[in-house]
Amino acid sequence: MRESRFWTLMEDEFGATYAHVLAGELVISRFQLTARQALAAGISPREIWEALCIQQNVPEERRFGRDRPIKRG
């Protein structure tokens, strides 16, 4: 997972503003770091997203993000 996808998932699930507050304030138990700190430490965005979903009780059916139409061009 790319970091850009991580931020898309965060904003889809938590809202554009709160996602960034959460990433900077919530300590993810698995890493003992915030999401921003974990990204800076080189932890994969996928691992961070999964740990954050577990900790925040995000239902499994929402962990892949919103369905978006395929762009054709």
N, C-alpha and C. Protein backbone atom coordinates (compact mmCIF):
# COMPACT_ATOMS: atom_id res chain seq x y z
N MET A 1 0.84 -1.17 0.00
CA MET A 1 0.00 0.00 0.00
C MET A 1 0.89 1.24 0.00
N ARG A 2 0.57 2.15 -0.86
CA ARG A 2 1.30 3.43 -0.88
C ARG A 2 0.76 4.35 0.22
N GLU A 3 1.59 5.28 0.63
CA GLU A 3 1.16 6.23 1.66
C GLU A 3 -0.05 7.04 1.20
N SER A 4 -0.11 7.36 -0.08
CA SER A 4 -1.27 8.11 -0.59
C SER A 4 -2.57 7.32 -0.40
N ARG A 5 -2.52 6.01 -0.58
CA ARG A 5 -3.70 5.16 -0.37
C ARG A 5 -4.07 5.14 1.11
N PHE A 6 -3.07 5.11 1.98
CA PHE A 6 -3.30 5.17 3.42
C PHE A 6 -4.10 6.42 3.76
N TRP A 7 -3.69 7.57 3.22
CA TRP A 7 -4.39 8.82 3.53
C TRP A 7 -5.79 8.84 2.94
N THR A 8 -5.99 8.25 1.79
CA THR A 8 -7.33 8.15 1.20
C THR A 8 -8.23 7.33 2.11
N LEU A 9 -7.74 6.19 2.57
CA LEU A 9 -8.52 5.34 3.48
C LEU A 9 -8.82 6.07 4.78
N MET A 10 -7.84 6.76 5.32
CA MET A 10 -8.04 7.51 6.57
C MET A 10 -9.13 8.57 6.40
N GLU A 11 -9.03 9.34 5.32
CA GLU A 11 -10.00 10.42 5.10
C GLU A 11 -11.39 9.87 4.79
N ASP A 12 -11.47 8.77 4.07
CA ASP A 12 -12.77 8.16 3.78
C ASP A 12 -13.43 7.67 5.07
N GLU A 13 -12.66 7.08 5.95
CA GLU A 13 -13.23 6.50 7.17
C GLU A 13 -13.50 7.54 8.25
N PHE A 14 -12.58 8.48 8.43
CA PHE A 14 -12.67 9.38 9.58
C PHE A 14 -12.98 10.83 9.22
N GLY A 15 -13.02 11.15 7.94
CA GLY A 15 -13.25 12.53 7.52
C GLY A 15 -11.93 13.23 7.26
N ALA A 16 -11.97 14.19 6.37
CA ALA A 16 -10.74 14.85 5.90
C ALA A 16 -9.97 15.54 7.03
N THR A 17 -10.66 16.15 7.96
CA THR A 17 -9.98 16.87 9.04
C THR A 17 -9.58 15.92 10.17
N TYR A 18 -10.55 15.14 10.66
CA TYR A 18 -10.29 14.29 11.82
C TYR A 18 -9.24 13.23 11.52
N ALA A 19 -9.16 12.75 10.29
CA ALA A 19 -8.15 11.74 9.94
C ALA A 19 -6.75 12.22 10.27
N HIS A 20 -6.48 13.49 9.99
CA HIS A 20 -5.14 14.03 10.21
C HIS A 20 -4.89 14.30 11.70
N VAL A 21 -5.95 14.68 12.42
CA VAL A 21 -5.82 14.85 13.87
C VAL A 21 -5.55 13.48 14.50
N LEU A 22 -6.32 12.49 14.13
CA LEU A 22 -6.17 11.13 14.65
C LEU A 22 -4.76 10.60 14.37
N ALA A 23 -4.27 10.81 13.16
CA ALA A 23 -2.95 10.31 12.78
C ALA A 23 -1.83 10.94 13.60
N GLY A 24 -2.07 12.15 14.07
CA GLY A 24 -1.04 12.84 14.85
C GLY A 24 -1.18 12.71 16.35
N GLU A 25 -2.35 12.27 16.82
CA GLU A 25 -2.61 12.25 18.26
C GLU A 25 -2.79 10.85 18.87
N LEU A 26 -3.43 9.94 18.13
CA LEU A 26 -3.72 8.61 18.68
C LEU A 26 -2.48 7.73 18.65
N VAL A 27 -2.09 7.22 19.79
CA VAL A 27 -0.97 6.28 19.86
C VAL A 27 -1.52 4.89 19.55
N ILE A 28 -0.98 4.29 18.51
CA ILE A 28 -1.39 2.94 18.11
C ILE A 28 -0.67 1.96 19.03
N SER A 29 -1.45 1.21 19.76
CA SER A 29 -0.90 0.31 20.79
C SER A 29 0.17 -0.63 20.24
N ARG A 30 -0.09 -1.17 19.07
CA ARG A 30 0.84 -2.16 18.48
C ARG A 30 2.25 -1.61 18.30
N PHE A 31 2.36 -0.31 18.00
CA PHE A 31 3.67 0.28 17.72
C PHE A 31 4.14 1.24 18.81
N GLN A 32 3.21 1.66 19.69
CA GLN A 32 3.49 2.69 20.67
C GLN A 32 3.96 3.98 20.00
N LEU A 33 3.36 4.24 18.84
CA LEU A 33 3.63 5.45 18.05
C LEU A 33 2.31 5.93 17.46
N THR A 34 2.26 7.21 17.11
CA THR A 34 1.13 7.69 16.34
C THR A 34 1.31 7.21 14.89
N ALA A 35 0.27 7.32 14.10
CA ALA A 35 0.38 6.92 12.70
C ALA A 35 1.46 7.75 11.99
N ARG A 36 1.49 9.03 12.25
CA ARG A 36 2.53 9.88 11.62
C ARG A 36 3.93 9.44 12.03
N GLN A 37 4.12 9.15 13.29
CA GLN A 37 5.42 8.69 13.77
C GLN A 37 5.78 7.34 13.16
N ALA A 38 4.80 6.47 13.06
CA ALA A 38 5.03 5.14 12.49
C ALA A 38 5.43 5.25 11.01
N LEU A 39 4.74 6.13 10.27
CA LEU A 39 5.12 6.35 8.87
C LEU A 39 6.55 6.86 8.77
N ALA A 40 6.89 7.83 9.62
CA ALA A 40 8.24 8.40 9.61
C ALA A 40 9.30 7.37 10.01
N ALA A 41 8.90 6.39 10.83
CA ALA A 41 9.82 5.34 11.27
C ALA A 41 9.98 4.23 10.24
N GLY A 42 9.22 4.32 9.13
CA GLY A 42 9.37 3.34 8.07
C GLY A 42 8.45 2.14 8.16
N ILE A 43 7.50 2.17 9.07
CA ILE A 43 6.53 1.08 9.17
C ILE A 43 5.60 1.19 7.97
N SER A 44 5.24 0.07 7.38
CA SER A 44 4.45 0.09 6.15
C SER A 44 3.06 0.67 6.42
N PRO A 45 2.58 1.49 5.50
CA PRO A 45 1.24 2.06 5.64
C PRO A 45 0.16 0.99 5.83
N ARG A 46 0.31 -0.16 5.20
CA ARG A 46 -0.67 -1.24 5.35
C ARG A 46 -0.72 -1.73 6.80
N GLU A 47 0.45 -1.94 7.41
CA GLU A 47 0.49 -2.39 8.80
C GLU A 47 -0.13 -1.36 9.73
N ILE A 48 0.16 -0.09 9.46
CA ILE A 48 -0.38 0.99 10.29
C ILE A 48 -1.90 1.03 10.15
N TRP A 49 -2.39 0.96 8.90
CA TRP A 49 -3.83 1.00 8.66
C TRP A 49 -4.53 -0.16 9.36
N GLU A 50 -3.98 -1.37 9.23
CA GLU A 50 -4.59 -2.54 9.86
C GLU A 50 -4.63 -2.40 11.38
N ALA A 51 -3.54 -1.95 11.97
CA ALA A 51 -3.49 -1.78 13.42
C ALA A 51 -4.46 -0.69 13.88
N LEU A 52 -4.53 0.37 13.14
CA LEU A 52 -5.43 1.46 13.47
C LEU A 52 -6.89 1.01 13.37
N CYS A 53 -7.22 0.24 12.34
CA CYS A 53 -8.58 -0.28 12.18
C CYS A 53 -8.97 -1.17 13.34
N ILE A 54 -8.07 -2.03 13.77
CA ILE A 54 -8.34 -2.91 14.89
C ILE A 54 -8.58 -2.08 16.16
N GLN A 55 -7.70 -1.14 16.40
CA GLN A 55 -7.80 -0.33 17.61
C GLN A 55 -9.05 0.54 17.62
N GLN A 56 -9.46 1.04 16.47
CA GLN A 56 -10.62 1.93 16.38
C GLN A 56 -11.91 1.18 16.04
N ASN A 57 -11.84 -0.14 16.01
CA ASN A 57 -13.02 -0.98 15.74
C ASN A 57 -13.70 -0.64 14.41
N VAL A 58 -12.90 -0.43 13.38
CA VAL A 58 -13.44 -0.21 12.04
C VAL A 58 -13.91 -1.58 11.53
N PRO A 59 -15.18 -1.69 11.14
CA PRO A 59 -15.67 -2.99 10.64
C PRO A 59 -14.86 -3.46 9.43
N GLU A 60 -14.68 -4.76 9.35
CA GLU A 60 -13.87 -5.32 8.26
C GLU A 60 -14.37 -4.90 6.88
N GLU A 61 -15.69 -4.80 6.72
CA GLU A 61 -16.23 -4.44 5.41
C GLU A 61 -15.89 -3.01 4.98
N ARG A 62 -15.40 -2.19 5.92
CA ARG A 62 -15.02 -0.81 5.56
C ARG A 62 -13.51 -0.63 5.48
N ARG A 63 -12.75 -1.67 5.71
CA ARG A 63 -11.29 -1.52 5.75
C ARG A 63 -10.64 -1.40 4.38
N PHE A 64 -11.38 -1.66 3.32
CA PHE A 64 -10.83 -1.54 1.97
C PHE A 64 -11.18 -0.20 1.34
N GLY A 65 -11.94 0.62 2.06
CA GLY A 65 -12.30 1.94 1.55
C GLY A 65 -13.58 1.92 0.75
N ARG A 66 -13.93 3.08 0.27
CA ARG A 66 -15.14 3.25 -0.52
C ARG A 66 -14.99 2.65 -1.91
N ASP A 67 -16.10 2.19 -2.43
CA ASP A 67 -16.10 1.76 -3.84
C ASP A 67 -16.04 3.02 -4.69
N ARG A 68 -15.13 3.03 -5.60
CA ARG A 68 -14.97 4.18 -6.49
C ARG A 68 -15.08 3.69 -7.94
N PRO A 69 -15.69 4.48 -8.77
CA PRO A 69 -15.78 4.07 -10.18
C PRO A 69 -14.39 3.99 -10.81
N ILE A 70 -14.23 3.07 -11.73
CA ILE A 70 -12.96 2.92 -12.45
C ILE A 70 -12.84 4.06 -13.44
N LYS A 71 -11.69 4.72 -13.41
CA LYS A 71 -11.44 5.80 -14.37
C LYS A 71 -11.00 5.20 -15.70
N ARG A 72 -11.66 5.57 -16.72
CA ARG A 72 -11.30 5.10 -18.06
C ARG A 72 -10.87 6.30 -18.88
N GLY A 73 -9.84 6.11 -19.61
CA GLY A 73 -9.43 7.28 -20.31
C GLY A 73 -8.66 6.99 -21.47
